[in-house]
Amino acid sequence: MKRSLWKYMLMLAAIIIIAAAILFLMGRTPFGPTGEIGFWTGDVHSQYNSQRFADPYSFTHIAHGVGLYLILLFFFRRLPAGAILLLAVLLEVGWEILENTEYIIERYRAIAIARGYFGDSILNSVGDILFAAFGAFLSIKFPKWALAAAFIFLEIFLALTIRDNLTLNIIQLIYPIPAIESWQLGLS
């Protein structure tokens, strides 16, 4: 493996360890309130959502990585791909920390689909960061048209399967729309 690749991998590991430490200091629990370690939950309405390493929202974090990488690439074209990937991961870490503040947790709880949300476990946040890093890595390897097609597919797939996706999540977090909330609850 190339030396520069090892350098970026070590920096990525350090960023994730620091993020986990910050989340721990914020009072986040390593494995959620139940203390159970798990890899996956497919039920976004269960007590394990946002507590396991992965859940359906993991796909939105892949989209975070793609989007962050492409935005950063637009502004920092001269930086090496690995540096842009690390910047995208740092922004994702910033989101994970912000997402687990009481303010954002309360904002999510105000949305019907996330009424029982009590924040992410550290395991889930680490998973989210790794999924975003994977999305940024895909942005290095695949053409932009393929990334756009995959993003649209994921958004439609998640809307049909869990009645939520990155776009709906952002809309409902910033400016909740009752018609979307009603649809997410299956009332319309």
Protein backbone atom coordinates (compact mmCIF):
# COMPACT_ATOMS: atom_id res chain seq x y z
CA MET A 1 0.00 0.00 0.00
CA LYS A 2 1.25 3.47 -0.81
CA ARG A 3 2.70 5.45 2.07
CA SER A 4 0.33 8.40 1.54
CA LEU A 5 -2.67 6.05 1.69
CA TRP A 6 -1.49 4.75 5.08
CA LYS A 7 -1.11 8.33 6.24
CA TYR A 8 -4.73 9.13 5.32
CA MET A 9 -5.98 5.87 6.88
CA LEU A 10 -4.19 6.69 10.16
CA MET A 11 -5.62 10.22 10.15
CA LEU A 12 -9.09 8.81 9.49
CA ALA A 13 -8.72 6.41 12.43
CA ALA A 14 -7.53 9.26 14.67
CA ILE A 15 -10.49 11.44 13.64
CA ILE A 16 -12.93 8.63 14.47
CA ILE A 17 -11.31 7.96 17.86
CA ILE A 18 -11.42 11.67 18.75
CA ALA A 19 -15.07 11.88 17.62
CA ALA A 20 -15.98 8.87 19.79
CA ALA A 21 -14.22 10.47 22.75
CA ILE A 22 -16.08 13.76 22.26
CA LEU A 23 -19.41 11.94 22.02
CA PHE A 24 -18.57 10.01 25.20
CA LEU A 25 -17.74 13.27 27.00
CA MET A 26 -21.09 14.63 25.78
CA GLY A 27 -22.78 11.78 27.63
CA ARG A 28 -23.54 9.51 24.69
CA THR A 29 -23.49 5.83 25.59
CA PRO A 30 -21.28 3.38 23.71
CA PHE A 31 -24.11 0.98 22.78
CA GLY A 32 -27.29 2.89 23.56
CA PRO A 33 -29.58 2.75 26.58
CA THR A 34 -29.99 -1.03 26.44
CA GLY A 35 -26.23 -1.62 26.37
CA GLU A 36 -26.69 -4.31 23.72
CA ILE A 37 -24.11 -4.50 20.96
CA GLY A 38 -25.52 -5.11 17.50
CA PHE A 39 -24.57 -4.68 13.89
CA TRP A 40 -27.91 -3.93 12.17
CA THR A 41 -31.50 -3.02 12.79
CA GLY A 42 -33.92 -2.60 9.92
CA ASP A 43 -36.78 -1.23 12.02
CA VAL A 44 -36.55 2.56 12.20
CA HIS A 45 -39.28 2.57 14.84
CA SER A 46 -37.54 0.20 17.24
CA GLN A 47 -35.50 1.08 20.32
CA TYR A 48 -32.43 -0.11 18.40
CA ASN A 49 -32.63 2.48 15.63
CA SER A 50 -29.59 4.77 15.82
CA GLN A 51 -28.11 2.42 18.44
CA ARG A 52 -26.67 -0.36 16.28
CA PHE A 53 -23.65 0.05 14.01
CA ALA A 54 -25.94 0.30 10.97
CA ASP A 55 -29.60 0.98 10.22
CA PRO A 56 -31.53 2.22 7.18
CA TYR A 57 -30.26 5.75 7.86
CA SER A 58 -26.74 4.49 7.17
CA PHE A 59 -27.59 4.91 3.49
CA THR A 60 -28.20 8.62 4.08
CA HIS A 61 -24.71 8.90 5.56
CA ILE A 62 -23.26 7.42 2.38
CA ALA A 63 -25.09 10.24 0.61
CA HIS A 64 -23.59 12.73 3.12
CA GLY A 65 -20.13 11.52 2.15
CA VAL A 66 -20.83 11.81 -1.57
CA GLY A 67 -22.34 15.26 -1.23
CA LEU A 68 -19.69 16.61 1.11
CA TYR A 69 -16.87 15.26 -1.07
CA LEU A 70 -18.32 16.80 -4.24
CA ILE A 71 -18.96 20.17 -2.58
CA LEU A 72 -15.43 20.24 -1.16
CA LEU A 73 -13.98 19.17 -4.50
CA PHE A 74 -15.69 22.14 -6.12
CA PHE A 75 -14.00 24.55 -3.69
CA PHE A 76 -10.66 22.79 -3.21
CA ARG A 77 -9.79 21.25 -6.59
CA ARG A 78 -6.05 21.48 -5.97
CA LEU A 79 -6.10 19.36 -2.82
CA PRO A 80 -5.31 15.66 -3.07
CA ALA A 81 -8.33 13.35 -3.09
CA GLY A 82 -7.33 11.92 0.30
CA ALA A 83 -7.27 15.37 1.88
CA ILE A 84 -10.73 16.16 0.51
CA LEU A 85 -11.98 12.83 1.85
CA LEU A 86 -10.64 13.70 5.31
CA LEU A 87 -12.27 17.13 5.18
CA ALA A 88 -15.58 15.47 4.26
CA VAL A 89 -15.16 13.12 7.23
CA LEU A 90 -14.41 16.06 9.54
CA LEU A 91 -17.62 17.75 8.41
CA GLU A 92 -19.52 14.51 9.02
CA VAL A 93 -17.99 14.34 12.51
CA GLY A 94 -19.19 17.90 13.08
CA TRP A 95 -22.69 16.82 12.08
CA GLU A 96 -22.58 13.74 14.35
CA ILE A 97 -21.60 15.93 17.29
CA LEU A 98 -24.26 18.54 16.48
CA GLU A 99 -26.88 15.83 15.85
CA ASN A 100 -26.31 14.49 19.35
CA THR A 101 -26.79 17.80 21.16
CA GLU A 102 -29.97 18.22 23.17
CA TYR A 103 -31.15 20.93 20.78
CA ILE A 104 -31.08 18.71 17.67
CA ILE A 105 -32.39 15.67 19.57
CA GLU A 106 -35.39 17.78 20.62
CA ARG A 107 -35.84 19.01 17.03
CA TYR A 108 -35.95 15.39 15.86
CA ARG A 109 -38.40 14.44 18.62
CA ALA A 110 -40.76 17.12 17.35
CA ILE A 111 -40.97 15.22 14.05
CA ALA A 112 -43.51 12.42 14.17
CA ILE A 113 -41.29 9.75 12.62
CA ALA A 114 -38.59 10.38 15.26
CA ARG A 115 -40.72 10.89 18.38
CA GLY A 116 -38.86 8.19 20.35
CA TYR A 117 -35.41 9.37 19.25
CA PHE A 118 -32.94 9.84 22.10
CA GLY A 119 -29.74 10.36 20.16
CA ASP A 120 -27.21 8.01 18.62
CA SER A 121 -25.06 5.52 20.43
CA ILE A 122 -21.33 6.04 19.94
CA LEU A 123 -21.28 2.77 17.96
CA ASN A 124 -23.93 4.16 15.60
CA SER A 125 -22.12 7.49 15.23
CA VAL A 126 -18.88 5.69 14.38
CA GLY A 127 -20.82 3.66 11.83
CA ASP A 128 -22.33 6.84 10.38
CA ILE A 129 -18.88 8.41 10.06
CA LEU A 130 -17.52 5.29 8.35
CA PHE A 131 -20.49 5.20 5.95
CA ALA A 132 -19.87 8.85 5.09
CA ALA A 133 -16.18 8.08 4.53
CA PHE A 134 -17.29 5.24 2.23
CA GLY A 135 -19.50 7.67 0.31
CA ALA A 136 -16.60 10.10 -0.06
CA PHE A 137 -14.37 7.22 -1.22
CA LEU A 138 -16.98 6.25 -3.83
CA SER A 139 -16.88 9.86 -5.05
CA ILE A 140 -13.20 9.44 -5.83
CA LYS A 141 -13.77 6.22 -7.77
CA PHE A 142 -17.02 6.75 -9.71
CA PRO A 143 -18.19 9.31 -12.28
CA LYS A 144 -20.51 12.04 -11.08
CA TRP A 145 -23.45 10.76 -13.19
CA ALA A 146 -23.23 7.36 -11.45
CA LEU A 147 -23.17 9.06 -8.04
CA ALA A 148 -26.20 11.18 -8.93
CA ALA A 149 -28.09 8.10 -10.16
CA ALA A 150 -27.20 6.17 -6.98
CA PHE A 151 -28.29 9.10 -4.82
CA ILE A 152 -31.67 9.35 -6.57
CA PHE A 153 -32.15 5.57 -6.32
CA LEU A 154 -31.35 5.60 -2.58
CA GLU A 155 -33.70 8.52 -1.92
CA ILE A 156 -36.58 6.77 -3.71
CA PHE A 157 -35.78 3.40 -2.12
CA LEU A 158 -35.71 4.86 1.40
CA ALA A 159 -38.89 6.89 0.83
CA LEU A 160 -40.69 3.73 -0.27
CA THR A 161 -39.30 1.45 2.45
CA ILE A 162 -39.03 3.62 5.59
CA ARG A 163 -40.95 6.74 4.52
CA ASP A 164 -37.88 8.86 5.17
CA ASN A 165 -34.65 9.79 3.40
CA LEU A 166 -31.97 12.49 3.46
CA THR A 167 -34.11 15.06 1.65
CA LEU A 168 -37.18 14.53 3.85
CA ASN A 169 -34.99 14.45 6.94
CA ILE A 170 -33.49 17.85 6.11
CA ILE A 171 -36.88 19.39 5.25
CA GLN A 172 -38.54 18.10 8.42
CA LEU A 173 -35.61 19.15 10.61
CA ILE A 174 -35.50 22.71 9.25
CA TYR A 175 -39.17 23.39 8.53
CA PRO A 176 -41.57 20.56 9.39
CA ILE A 177 -44.41 20.17 6.91
CA PRO A 178 -47.58 18.57 8.32
CA ALA A 179 -48.41 16.77 5.04
CA ILE A 180 -45.00 15.05 5.04
CA GLU A 181 -45.42 14.15 8.71
CA SER A 182 -48.84 12.68 8.01
CA TRP A 183 -47.49 10.62 5.09
CA GLN A 184 -44.54 9.40 7.18
CA LEU A 185 -46.96 8.17 9.84
CA GLY A 186 -49.05 6.43 7.17
CA LEU A 187 -52.04 8.68 7.78
CA SER A 188 -52.37 9.87 4.19
